Amino acid sequence: MQTLNVHLNDLREGTTAKVRSIVGPKWFRERIFELGLLPGITVTVVKKTPLGGPIIVEFLTQRLALSRKEAHWIHVDVLS
């Protein structure tokens, strides 16, 4: 089942989703694309730190920490 208009920062720990689009400033999009996080890639939320701290996601063979603001710029479709 897919859900539209969901941001990566809205997901709970353990949730898997497929990246729909990445918005935000050009510097952010370039950085994320260089790391291999592209539309169509499947990501899993590994950890959401408390008090608005970073979100740790896993994709391909790596983990990445994103601020809540950065995670808001990543639109996803929930897979599980």
Protein backbone atom coordinates (compact mmCIF):
# COMPACT_ATOMS: atom_id res chain seq x y z
CA MET A 1 0.00 0.00 0.00
CA GLN A 2 1.33 3.43 -0.91
CA THR A 3 0.55 6.72 0.77
CA LEU A 4 0.99 10.01 -1.06
CA ASN A 5 2.30 13.34 0.26
CA VAL A 6 4.26 11.91 3.17
CA HIS A 7 7.54 13.44 4.30
CA LEU A 8 10.40 11.31 5.56
CA ASN A 9 10.30 13.09 8.92
CA ASP A 10 6.66 11.96 9.41
CA LEU A 11 7.57 8.26 9.47
CA ARG A 12 8.00 6.13 12.59
CA GLU A 13 11.04 4.03 13.40
CA GLY A 14 11.10 0.80 11.41
CA THR A 15 8.98 2.18 8.57
CA THR A 16 10.12 1.46 5.02
CA ALA A 17 9.31 3.83 2.18
CA LYS A 18 10.22 4.57 -1.42
CA VAL A 19 11.58 8.04 -2.22
CA ARG A 20 9.12 9.89 -4.44
CA SER A 21 10.93 13.23 -4.78
CA ILE A 22 13.53 15.42 -3.12
CA VAL A 23 12.97 19.15 -2.85
CA GLY A 24 14.72 21.88 -0.91
CA PRO A 25 17.72 24.02 -1.77
CA LYS A 26 20.02 23.08 -4.63
CA TRP A 27 22.96 22.39 -2.27
CA PHE A 28 20.85 19.84 -0.40
CA ARG A 29 19.62 18.04 -3.50
CA GLU A 30 23.16 17.83 -4.89
CA ARG A 31 24.53 16.46 -1.61
CA ILE A 32 21.79 13.85 -1.28
CA PHE A 33 22.12 12.75 -4.91
CA GLU A 34 25.91 12.37 -4.49
CA LEU A 35 25.27 10.07 -1.53
CA GLY A 36 23.01 7.90 -3.70
CA LEU A 37 19.66 8.83 -2.22
CA LEU A 38 17.61 9.22 -5.38
CA PRO A 39 13.93 8.99 -6.28
CA GLY A 40 12.95 5.32 -6.46
CA ILE A 41 15.35 4.22 -3.71
CA THR A 42 13.90 2.35 -0.72
CA VAL A 43 14.74 3.78 2.72
CA THR A 44 14.08 2.56 6.25
CA VAL A 45 13.85 4.82 9.29
CA VAL A 46 16.31 3.28 11.75
CA LYS A 47 16.13 5.82 14.58
CA LYS A 48 14.36 9.06 15.42
CA THR A 49 16.28 10.80 18.16
CA PRO A 50 14.21 12.61 20.80
CA LEU A 51 13.59 16.33 21.17
CA GLY A 52 13.77 17.12 17.46
CA GLY A 53 17.20 15.59 16.91
CA PRO A 54 18.33 13.88 13.72
CA ILE A 55 16.63 11.01 11.93
CA ILE A 56 18.82 8.08 10.94
CA VAL A 57 17.81 6.31 7.73
CA GLU A 58 19.24 3.28 5.98
CA PHE A 59 19.35 2.85 2.21
CA LEU A 60 21.41 0.68 -0.11
CA THR A 61 24.30 -0.31 2.19
CA GLN A 62 24.65 2.87 4.21
CA ARG A 63 23.12 4.89 7.02
CA LEU A 64 22.59 8.63 6.94
CA ALA A 65 21.64 11.12 9.67
CA LEU A 66 19.33 13.91 8.52
CA SER A 67 17.99 16.87 10.42
CA ARG A 68 14.20 17.03 10.74
CA LYS A 69 14.18 19.93 8.27
CA GLU A 70 16.20 17.96 5.71
CA ALA A 71 13.96 14.92 6.18
CA HIS A 72 10.94 17.16 5.50
CA TRP A 73 12.36 17.88 2.03
CA ILE A 74 12.21 14.18 1.11
CA HIS A 75 8.78 13.00 -0.07
CA VAL A 76 8.10 9.27 0.16
CA ASP A 77 5.51 6.58 -0.44
CA VAL A 78 5.13 4.26 2.57
CA LEU A 79 5.72 0.58 1.85
CA SER A 80 5.46 -0.96 5.34
